Amino acid sequence: MKDIGRLVREVLEEEGLRDVERLSAIRGVWEEIVGSLPRTRAVRLEGELLKVVAGSHAWAQELHFREEELKKRILERTGIKVKRIIVKVEPEVYT
């Protein structure tokens, strides 16, 4: 008999939704990961590529400078390896 968690992971994998589950885990600790960067949001995970939106160019630049630190924090807090973070500026999201 399989445990429910393992069964859910298998179904997500089969349906191509594993990245959705992993993104949800990252979002669950996002504030802890980014700390002083509150106007940012993880929006999509494609394999090991994380897409993030930022409320301004300044926030986007800060994310870029802290990319290695953020990838390390994501791995430490979720066990998810992210190789690259791409940031898009979307100020209207935060107005």
PDB file of N, CA and C in Angstrom:
ATOM      1  N   MET A   1       0.834  -1.181   0.000  1.00  0.00           N
ATOM      2  CA  MET A   1       0.000   0.000   0.000  1.00  0.00           C
ATOM      3  C   MET A   1       0.882   1.249   0.000  1.00  0.00           C
ATOM      4  N   LYS A   2       0.611   2.203  -0.904  1.00  0.00           N
ATOM      5  CA  LYS A   2       1.394   3.430  -1.021  1.00  0.00           C
ATOM      6  C   LYS A   2       0.860   4.505  -0.084  1.00  0.00           C
ATOM      7  N   ASP A   3       1.785   5.337   0.434  1.00  0.00           N
ATOM      8  CA  ASP A   3       1.300   6.450   1.236  1.00  0.00           C
ATOM      9  C   ASP A   3       0.753   7.536   0.317  1.00  0.00           C
ATOM     10  N   ILE A   4      -0.159   8.325   0.810  1.00  0.00           N
ATOM     11  CA  ILE A   4      -0.871   9.307  -0.009  1.00  0.00           C
ATOM     12  C   ILE A   4       0.070  10.364  -0.598  1.00  0.00           C
ATOM     13  N   GLY A   5       1.082  10.796   0.164  1.00  0.00           N
ATOM     14  CA  GLY A   5       2.031  11.791  -0.335  1.00  0.00           C
ATOM     15  C   GLY A   5       2.788  11.295  -1.553  1.00  0.00           C
ATOM     16  N   ARG A   6       3.236  10.060  -1.491  1.00  0.00           N
ATOM     17  CA  ARG A   6       3.967   9.481  -2.621  1.00  0.00           C
ATOM     18  C   ARG A   6       3.058   9.322  -3.828  1.00  0.00           C
ATOM     19  N   LEU A   7       1.835   8.909  -3.588  1.00  0.00           N
ATOM     20  CA  LEU A   7       0.866   8.759  -4.662  1.00  0.00           C
ATOM     21  C   LEU A   7       0.583  10.095  -5.346  1.00  0.00           C
ATOM     22  N   VAL A   8       0.404  11.148  -4.559  1.00  0.00           N
ATOM     23  CA  VAL A   8       0.157  12.485  -5.116  1.00  0.00           C
ATOM     24  C   VAL A   8       1.348  12.937  -5.956  1.00  0.00           C
ATOM     25  N   ARG A   9       2.568  12.737  -5.446  1.00  0.00           N
ATOM     26  CA  ARG A   9       3.764  13.121  -6.207  1.00  0.00           C
ATOM     27  C   ARG A   9       3.839  12.372  -7.538  1.00  0.00           C
ATOM     28  N   GLU A  10       3.500  11.089  -7.533  1.00  0.00           N
ATOM     29  CA  GLU A  10       3.525  10.298  -8.767  1.00  0.00           C
ATOM     30  C   GLU A  10       2.503  10.813  -9.778  1.00  0.00           C
ATOM     31  N   VAL A  11       1.308  11.130  -9.309  1.00  0.00           N
ATOM     32  CA  VAL A  11       0.271  11.650 -10.205  1.00  0.00           C
ATOM     33  C   VAL A  11       0.694  12.996 -10.771  1.00  0.00           C
ATOM     34  N   LEU A  12       1.238  13.876  -9.926  1.00  0.00           N
ATOM     35  CA  LEU A  12       1.700  15.181 -10.405  1.00  0.00           C
ATOM     36  C   LEU A  12       2.784  15.017 -11.465  1.00  0.00           C
ATOM     37  N   GLU A  13       3.697  14.111 -11.222  1.00  0.00           N
ATOM     38  CA  GLU A  13       4.775  13.849 -12.179  1.00  0.00           C
ATOM     39  C   GLU A  13       4.203  13.353 -13.506  1.00  0.00           C
ATOM     40  N   GLU A  14       3.282  12.424 -13.442  1.00  0.00           N
ATOM     41  CA  GLU A  14       2.675  11.871 -14.656  1.00  0.00           C
ATOM     42  C   GLU A  14       1.913  12.929 -15.445  1.00  0.00           C
ATOM     43  N   GLU A  15       1.293  13.853 -14.758  1.00  0.00           N
ATOM     44  CA  GLU A  15       0.491  14.890 -15.412  1.00  0.00           C
ATOM     45  C   GLU A  15       1.304  16.136 -15.757  1.00  0.00           C
ATOM     46  N   GLY A  16       2.593  16.111 -15.479  1.00  0.00           N
ATOM     47  CA  GLY A  16       3.439  17.254 -15.794  1.00  0.00           C
ATOM     48  C   GLY A  16       3.228  18.438 -14.859  1.00  0.00           C
ATOM     49  N   LEU A  17       2.753  18.162 -13.662  1.00  0.00           N
ATOM     50  CA  LEU A  17       2.457  19.236 -12.716  1.00  0.00           C
ATOM     51  C   LEU A  17       3.448  19.298 -11.556  1.00  0.00           C
ATOM     52  N   ARG A  18       4.517  18.572 -11.661  1.00  0.00           N
ATOM     53  CA  ARG A  18       5.520  18.548 -10.581  1.00  0.00           C
ATOM     54  C   ARG A  18       6.066  19.940 -10.316  1.00  0.00           C
ATOM     55  N   ASP A  19       6.295  20.739 -11.350  1.00  0.00           N
ATOM     56  CA  ASP A  19       6.825  22.087 -11.158  1.00  0.00           C
ATOM     57  C   ASP A  19       5.838  22.966 -10.393  1.00  0.00           C
ATOM     58  N   VAL A  20       4.554  22.722 -10.556  1.00  0.00           N
ATOM     59  CA  VAL A  20       3.539  23.484  -9.824  1.00  0.00           C
ATOM     60  C   VAL A  20       3.659  23.196  -8.332  1.00  0.00           C
ATOM     61  N   GLU A  21       3.816  21.936  -7.992  1.00  0.00           N
ATOM     62  CA  GLU A  21       3.980  21.548  -6.593  1.00  0.00           C
ATOM     63  C   GLU A  21       5.252  22.168  -6.011  1.00  0.00           C
ATOM     64  N   ARG A  22       6.326  22.139  -6.762  1.00  0.00           N
ATOM     65  CA  ARG A  22       7.600  22.699  -6.303  1.00  0.00           C
ATOM     66  C   ARG A  22       7.519  24.214  -6.180  1.00  0.00           C
ATOM     67  N   LEU A  23       6.841  24.878  -7.114  1.00  0.00           N
ATOM     68  CA  LEU A  23       6.655  26.327  -7.029  1.00  0.00           C
ATOM     69  C   LEU A  23       5.855  26.678  -5.783  1.00  0.00           C
ATOM     70  N   SER A  24       4.853  25.902  -5.486  1.00  0.00           N
ATOM     71  CA  SER A  24       4.050  26.130  -4.285  1.00  0.00           C
ATOM     72  C   SER A  24       4.913  26.052  -3.029  1.00  0.00           C
ATOM     73  N   ALA A  25       5.838  25.121  -2.996  1.00  0.00           N
ATOM     74  CA  ALA A  25       6.753  24.998  -1.855  1.00  0.00           C
ATOM     75  C   ALA A  25       7.631  26.238  -1.735  1.00  0.00           C
ATOM     76  N   ILE A  26       8.129  26.744  -2.866  1.00  0.00           N
ATOM     77  CA  ILE A  26       8.961  27.951  -2.854  1.00  0.00           C
ATOM     78  C   ILE A  26       8.134  29.145  -2.392  1.00  0.00           C
ATOM     79  N   ARG A  27       6.927  29.281  -2.920  1.00  0.00           N
ATOM     80  CA  ARG A  27       6.060  30.398  -2.515  1.00  0.00           C
ATOM     81  C   ARG A  27       5.745  30.356  -1.024  1.00  0.00           C
ATOM     82  N   GLY A  28       5.645  29.161  -0.481  1.00  0.00           N
ATOM     83  CA  GLY A  28       5.324  29.014   0.934  1.00  0.00           C
ATOM     84  C   GLY A  28       6.372  29.599   1.862  1.00  0.00           C
ATOM     85  N   VAL A  29       7.609  29.702   1.383  1.00  0.00           N
ATOM     86  CA  VAL A  29       8.686  30.267   2.210  1.00  0.00           C
ATOM     87  C   VAL A  29       9.333  31.478   1.539  1.00  0.00           C
ATOM     88  N   TRP A  30       8.672  32.039   0.537  1.00  0.00           N
ATOM     89  CA  TRP A  30       9.261  33.129  -0.244  1.00  0.00           C
ATOM     90  C   TRP A  30       9.670  34.318   0.622  1.00  0.00           C
ATOM     91  N   GLU A  31       8.806  34.752   1.527  1.00  0.00           N
ATOM     92  CA  GLU A  31       9.145  35.903   2.373  1.00  0.00           C
ATOM     93  C   GLU A  31      10.379  35.621   3.210  1.00  0.00           C
ATOM     94  N   GLU A  32      10.510  34.407   3.690  1.00  0.00           N
ATOM     95  CA  GLU A  32      11.685  34.006   4.460  1.00  0.00           C
ATOM     96  C   GLU A  32      12.935  34.003   3.570  1.00  0.00           C
ATOM     97  N   ILE A  33      12.777  33.588   2.329  1.00  0.00           N
ATOM     98  CA  ILE A  33      13.901  33.512   1.397  1.00  0.00           C
ATOM     99  C   ILE A  33      14.390  34.898   1.000  1.00  0.00           C
ATOM    100  N   VAL A  34      13.475  35.788   0.627  1.00  0.00           N
ATOM    101  CA  VAL A  34      13.878  37.096   0.113  1.00  0.00           C
ATOM    102  C   VAL A  34      14.093  38.139   1.203  1.00  0.00           C
ATOM    103  N   GLY A  35      13.575  37.901   2.382  1.00  0.00           N
ATOM    104  CA  GLY A  35      13.796  38.832   3.483  1.00  0.00           C
ATOM    105  C   GLY A  35      13.345  40.241   3.166  1.00  0.00           C
ATOM    106  N   SER A  36      14.298  41.120   2.904  1.00  0.00           N
ATOM    107  CA  SER A  36      14.004  42.546   2.721  1.00  0.00           C
ATOM    108  C   SER A  36      13.551  42.901   1.306  1.00  0.00           C
ATOM    109  N   LEU A  37      13.133  41.928   0.521  1.00  0.00           N
ATOM    110  CA  LEU A  37      12.671  42.189  -0.845  1.00  0.00           C
ATOM    111  C   LEU A  37      11.190  41.850  -0.973  1.00  0.00           C
ATOM    112  N   PRO A  38      10.330  42.584  -0.255  1.00  0.00           N
ATOM    113  CA  PRO A  38       8.919  42.202  -0.217  1.00  0.00           C
ATOM    114  C   PRO A  38       8.149  42.419  -1.512  1.00  0.00           C
ATOM    115  N   ARG A  39       8.610  43.270  -2.389  1.00  0.00           N
ATOM    116  CA  ARG A  39       7.862  43.552  -3.618  1.00  0.00           C
ATOM    117  C   ARG A  39       8.315  42.647  -4.758  1.00  0.00           C
ATOM    118  N   THR A  40       8.434  41.375  -4.432  1.00  0.00           N
ATOM    119  CA  THR A  40       8.827  40.364  -5.412  1.00  0.00           C
ATOM    120  C   THR A  40       7.923  39.150  -5.214  1.00  0.00           C
ATOM    121  N   ARG A  41       7.793  38.354  -6.285  1.00  0.00           N
ATOM    122  CA  ARG A  41       6.956  37.156  -6.191  1.00  0.00           C
ATOM    123  C   ARG A  41       7.443  36.106  -7.180  1.00  0.00           C
ATOM    124  N   ALA A  42       7.581  34.892  -6.697  1.00  0.00           N
ATOM    125  CA  ALA A  42       7.907  33.757  -7.573  1.00  0.00           C
ATOM    126  C   ALA A  42       6.630  33.407  -8.324  1.00  0.00           C
ATOM    127  N   VAL A  43       6.714  33.365  -9.669  1.00  0.00           N
ATOM    128  CA  VAL A  43       5.498  33.143 -10.455  1.00  0.00           C
ATOM    129  C   VAL A  43       5.498  31.867 -11.284  1.00  0.00           C
ATOM    130  N   ARG A  44       6.673  31.325 -11.572  1.00  0.00           N
ATOM    131  CA  ARG A  44       6.705  30.126 -12.426  1.00  0.00           C
ATOM    132  C   ARG A  44       8.027  29.383 -12.196  1.00  0.00           C
ATOM    133  N   LEU A  45       7.940  28.066 -12.243  1.00  0.00           N
ATOM    134  CA  LEU A  45       9.121  27.226 -12.151  1.00  0.00           C
ATOM    135  C   LEU A  45       9.081  26.258 -13.314  1.00  0.00           C
ATOM    136  N   GLU A  46      10.140  26.271 -14.103  1.00  0.00           N
ATOM    137  CA  GLU A  46      10.256  25.376 -15.256  1.00  0.00           C
ATOM    138  C   GLU A  46      11.548  24.587 -15.094  1.00  0.00           C
ATOM    139  N   GLY A  47      11.425  23.399 -14.541  1.00  0.00           N
ATOM    140  CA  GLY A  47      12.616  22.607 -14.250  1.00  0.00           C
ATOM    141  C   GLY A  47      13.430  23.284 -13.164  1.00  0.00           C
ATOM    142  N   GLU A  48      14.611  23.768 -13.509  1.00  0.00           N
ATOM    143  CA  GLU A  48      15.466  24.450 -12.542  1.00  0.00           C
ATOM    144  C   GLU A  48      15.554  25.954 -12.829  1.00  0.00           C
ATOM    145  N   LEU A  49      14.610  26.473 -13.584  1.00  0.00           N
ATOM    146  CA  LEU A  49      14.538  27.897 -13.917  1.00  0.00           C
ATOM    147  C   LEU A  49      13.360  28.515 -13.172  1.00  0.00           C
ATOM    148  N   LEU A  50      13.648  29.487 -12.309  1.00  0.00           N
ATOM    149  CA  LEU A  50      12.609  30.159 -11.535  1.00  0.00           C
ATOM    150  C   LEU A  50      12.363  31.543 -12.122  1.00  0.00           C
ATOM    151  N   LYS A  51      11.105  31.829 -12.413  1.00  0.00           N
ATOM    152  CA  LYS A  51      10.727  33.146 -12.921  1.00  0.00           C
ATOM    153  C   LYS A  51      10.070  33.933 -11.796  1.00  0.00           C
ATOM    154  N   VAL A  52      10.513  35.185 -11.652  1.00  0.00           N
ATOM    155  CA  VAL A  52      10.081  36.046 -10.561  1.00  0.00           C
ATOM    156  C   VAL A  52       9.649  37.379 -11.135  1.00  0.00           C
ATOM    157  N   VAL A  53       8.641  38.007 -10.534  1.00  0.00           N
ATOM    158  CA  VAL A  53       8.290  39.372 -10.899  1.00  0.00           C
ATOM    159  C   VAL A  53       8.696  40.279  -9.748  1.00  0.00           C
ATOM    160  N   ALA A  54       9.093  41.491 -10.122  1.00  0.00           N
ATOM    161  CA  ALA A  54       9.485  42.506  -9.145  1.00  0.00           C
ATOM    162  C   ALA A  54       8.695  43.772  -9.433  1.00  0.00           C
ATOM    163  N   GLY A  55       8.431  44.535  -8.389  1.00  0.00           N
ATOM    164  CA  GLY A  55       7.619  45.737  -8.516  1.00  0.00           C
ATOM    165  C   GLY A  55       8.339  46.936  -9.088  1.00  0.00           C
ATOM    166  N   SER A  56       9.660  46.863  -9.215  1.00  0.00           N
ATOM    167  CA  SER A  56      10.420  47.979  -9.779  1.00  0.00           C
ATOM    168  C   SER A  56      11.747  47.467 -10.324  1.00  0.00           C
ATOM    169  N   HIS A  57      12.400  48.313 -11.099  1.00  0.00           N
ATOM    170  CA  HIS A  57      13.719  47.947 -11.630  1.00  0.00           C
ATOM    171  C   HIS A  57      14.730  47.811 -10.495  1.00  0.00           C
ATOM    172  N   ALA A  58      14.590  48.629  -9.471  1.00  0.00           N
ATOM    173  CA  ALA A  58      15.506  48.553  -8.326  1.00  0.00           C
ATOM    174  C   ALA A  58      15.393  47.198  -7.630  1.00  0.00           C
ATOM    175  N   TRP A  59      14.161  46.723  -7.415  1.00  0.00           N
ATOM    176  CA  TRP A  59      13.968  45.412  -6.796  1.00  0.00           C
ATOM    177  C   TRP A  59      14.504  44.310  -7.703  1.00  0.00           C
ATOM    178  N   ALA A  60      14.297  44.445  -8.992  1.00  0.00           N
ATOM    179  CA  ALA A  60      14.794  43.441  -9.942  1.00  0.00           C
ATOM    180  C   ALA A  60      16.315  43.385  -9.906  1.00  0.00           C
ATOM    181  N   GLN A  61      16.947  44.530  -9.848  1.00  0.00           N
ATOM    182  CA  GLN A  61      18.406  44.582  -9.797  1.00  0.00           C
ATOM    183  C   GLN A  61      18.920  43.953  -8.504  1.00  0.00           C
ATOM    184  N   GLU A  62      18.244  44.225  -7.399  1.00  0.00           N
ATOM    185  CA  GLU A  62      18.639  43.631  -6.124  1.00  0.00           C
ATOM    186  C   GLU A  62      18.528  42.107  -6.176  1.00  0.00           C
ATOM    187  N   LEU A  63      17.474  41.607  -6.781  1.00  0.00           N
ATOM    188  CA  LEU A  63      17.333  40.154  -6.951  1.00  0.00           C
ATOM    189  C   LEU A  63      18.487  39.595  -7.771  1.00  0.00           C
ATOM    190  N   HIS A  64      18.834  40.307  -8.832  1.00  0.00           N
ATOM    191  CA  HIS A  64      19.939  39.862  -9.686  1.00  0.00           C
ATOM    192  C   HIS A  64      21.241  39.780  -8.878  1.00  0.00           C
ATOM    193  N   PHE A  65      21.529  40.809  -8.087  1.00  0.00           N
ATOM    194  CA  PHE A  65      22.759  40.824  -7.288  1.00  0.00           C
ATOM    195  C   PHE A  65      22.776  39.713  -6.241  1.00  0.00           C
ATOM    196  N   ARG A  66      21.601  39.333  -5.758  1.00  0.00           N
ATOM    197  CA  ARG A  66      21.514  38.336  -4.694  1.00  0.00           C
ATOM    198  C   ARG A  66      21.118  36.949  -5.206  1.00  0.00           C
ATOM    199  N   GLU A  67      21.207  36.729  -6.519  1.00  0.00           N
ATOM    200  CA  GLU A  67      20.742  35.471  -7.107  1.00  0.00           C
ATOM    201  C   GLU A  67      21.375  34.241  -6.461  1.00  0.00           C
ATOM    202  N   GLU A  68      22.683  34.227  -6.293  1.00  0.00           N
ATOM    203  CA  GLU A  68      23.353  33.047  -5.721  1.00  0.00           C
ATOM    204  C   GLU A  68      22.879  32.793  -4.297  1.00  0.00           C
ATOM    205  N   GLU A  69      22.741  33.850  -3.525  1.00  0.00           N
ATOM    206  CA  GLU A  69      22.248  33.728  -2.149  1.00  0.00           C
ATOM    207  C   GLU A  69      20.814  33.187  -2.129  1.00  0.00           C
ATOM    208  N   LEU A  70      19.977  33.686  -3.022  1.00  0.00           N
ATOM    209  CA  LEU A  70      18.586  33.254  -3.077  1.00  0.00           C
ATOM    210  C   LEU A  70      18.484  31.786  -3.480  1.00  0.00           C
ATOM    211  N   LYS A  71      19.282  31.363  -4.462  1.00  0.00           N
ATOM    212  CA  LYS A  71      19.272  29.961  -4.882  1.00  0.00           C
ATOM    213  C   LYS A  71      19.683  29.053  -3.726  1.00  0.00           C
ATOM    214  N   LYS A  72      20.667  29.484  -2.965  1.00  0.00           N
ATOM    215  CA  LYS A  72      21.126  28.714  -1.811  1.00  0.00           C
ATOM    216  C   LYS A  72      20.021  28.616  -0.763  1.00  0.00           C
ATOM    217  N   ARG A  73      19.336  29.727  -0.487  1.00  0.00           N
ATOM    218  CA  ARG A  73      18.250  29.729   0.496  1.00  0.00           C
ATOM    219  C   ARG A  73      17.083  28.845   0.054  1.00  0.00           C
ATOM    220  N   ILE A  74      16.770  28.887  -1.240  1.00  0.00           N
ATOM    221  CA  ILE A  74      15.694  28.031  -1.759  1.00  0.00           C
ATOM    222  C   ILE A  74      16.039  26.567  -1.520  1.00  0.00           C
ATOM    223  N   LEU A  75      17.267  26.198  -1.842  1.00  0.00           N
ATOM    224  CA  LEU A  75      17.700  24.813  -1.654  1.00  0.00           C
ATOM    225  C   LEU A  75      17.648  24.418  -0.178  1.00  0.00           C
ATOM    226  N   GLU A  76      18.143  25.292   0.692  1.00  0.00           N
ATOM    227  CA  GLU A  76      18.165  25.001   2.129  1.00  0.00           C
ATOM    228  C   GLU A  76      16.763  24.836   2.709  1.00  0.00           C
ATOM    229  N   ARG A  77      15.840  25.679   2.279  1.00  0.00           N
ATOM    230  CA  ARG A  77      14.509  25.691   2.897  1.00  0.00           C
ATOM    231  C   ARG A  77      13.503  24.753   2.233  1.00  0.00           C
ATOM    232  N   THR A  78      13.761  24.378   0.973  1.00  0.00           N
ATOM    233  CA  THR A  78      12.779  23.545   0.272  1.00  0.00           C
ATOM    234  C   THR A  78      13.369  22.254  -0.295  1.00  0.00           C
ATOM    235  N   GLY A  79      14.683  22.197  -0.427  1.00  0.00           N
ATOM    236  CA  GLY A  79      15.309  21.045  -1.063  1.00  0.00           C
ATOM    237  C   GLY A  79      15.223  21.101  -2.581  1.00  0.00           C
ATOM    238  N   ILE A  80      14.776  22.244  -3.115  1.00  0.00           N
ATOM    239  CA  ILE A  80      14.606  22.411  -4.561  1.00  0.00           C
ATOM    240  C   ILE A  80      15.815  23.156  -5.125  1.00  0.00           C
ATOM    241  N   LYS A  81      16.444  22.562  -6.131  1.00  0.00           N
ATOM    242  CA  LYS A  81      17.599  23.191  -6.761  1.00  0.00           C
ATOM    243  C   LYS A  81      17.139  24.084  -7.901  1.00  0.00           C
ATOM    244  N   VAL A  82      17.535  25.353  -7.821  1.00  0.00           N
ATOM    245  CA  VAL A  82      17.262  26.322  -8.877  1.00  0.00           C
ATOM    246  C   VAL A  82      18.607  26.730  -9.462  1.00  0.00           C
ATOM    247  N   LYS A  83      18.763  26.574 -10.771  1.00  0.00           N
ATOM    248  CA  LYS A  83      20.020  26.947 -11.423  1.00  0.00           C
ATOM    249  C   LYS A  83      20.034  28.410 -11.847  1.00  0.00           C
ATOM    250  N   ARG A  84      18.850  28.942 -12.161  1.00  0.00           N
ATOM    251  CA  ARG A  84      18.798  30.314 -12.680  1.00  0.00           C
ATOM    252  C   ARG A  84      17.501  30.977 -12.248  1.00  0.00           C
ATOM    253  N   ILE A  85      17.602  32.273 -11.954  1.00  0.00           N
ATOM    254  CA  ILE A  85      16.426  33.078 -11.622  1.00  0.00           C
ATOM    255  C   ILE A  85      16.324  34.184 -12.655  1.00  0.00           C
ATOM    256  N   ILE A  86      15.175  34.271 -13.310  1.00  0.00           N
ATOM    257  CA  ILE A  86      14.917  35.333 -14.279  1.00  0.00           C
ATOM    258  C   ILE A  86      13.875  36.269 -13.662  1.00  0.00           C
ATOM    259  N   VAL A  87      14.163  37.568 -13.727  1.00  0.00           N
ATOM    260  CA  VAL A  87      13.277  38.541 -13.112  1.00  0.00           C
ATOM    261  C   VAL A  87      12.661  39.447 -14.175  1.00  0.00           C
ATOM    262  N   LYS A  88      11.363  39.629 -14.068  1.00  0.00           N
ATOM    263  CA  LYS A  88      10.629  40.533 -14.942  1.00  0.00           C
ATOM    264  C   LYS A  88      10.033  41.629 -14.069  1.00  0.00           C
ATOM    265  N   VAL A  89      10.120  42.864 -14.549  1.00  0.00           N
ATOM    266  CA  VAL A  89       9.561  43.988 -13.803  1.00  0.00           C
ATOM    267  C   VAL A  89       8.100  44.174 -14.192  1.00  0.00           C
ATOM    268  N   GLU A  90       7.238  44.170 -13.193  1.00  0.00           N
ATOM    269  CA  GLU A  90       5.807  44.372 -13.391  1.00  0.00           C
ATOM    270  C   GLU A  90       5.288  45.293 -12.278  1.00  0.00           C
ATOM    271  N   PRO A  91       5.499  46.606 -12.413  1.00  0.00           N
ATOM    272  CA  PRO A  91       5.090  47.534 -11.356  1.00  0.00           C
ATOM    273  C   PRO A  91       3.604  47.534 -11.090  1.00  0.00           C
ATOM    274  N   GLU A  92       2.794  47.255 -12.095  1.00  0.00           N
ATOM    275  CA  GLU A  92       1.343  47.292 -11.904  1.00  0.00           C
ATOM    276  C   GLU A  92       0.864  46.214 -10.921  1.00  0.00           C
ATOM    277  N   VAL A  93       1.649  45.191 -10.712  1.00  0.00           N
ATOM    278  CA  VAL A  93       1.291  44.129  -9.779  1.00  0.00           C
ATOM    279  C   VAL A  93       1.262  44.667  -8.352  1.00  0.00           C
ATOM    280  N   TYR A  94       2.033  45.716  -8.086  1.00  0.00           N
ATOM    281  CA  TYR A  94       2.184  46.215  -6.717  1.00  0.00           C
ATOM    282  C   TYR A  94       1.615  47.608  -6.516  1.00  0.00           C
ATOM    283  N   THR A  95       0.761  48.079  -7.415  1.00  0.00           N
ATOM    284  CA  THR A  95       0.175  49.404  -7.240  1.00  0.00           C
ATOM    285  C   THR A  95      -1.228  49.311  -6.695  1.00  0.00           C
TER     286      THR A  95
END
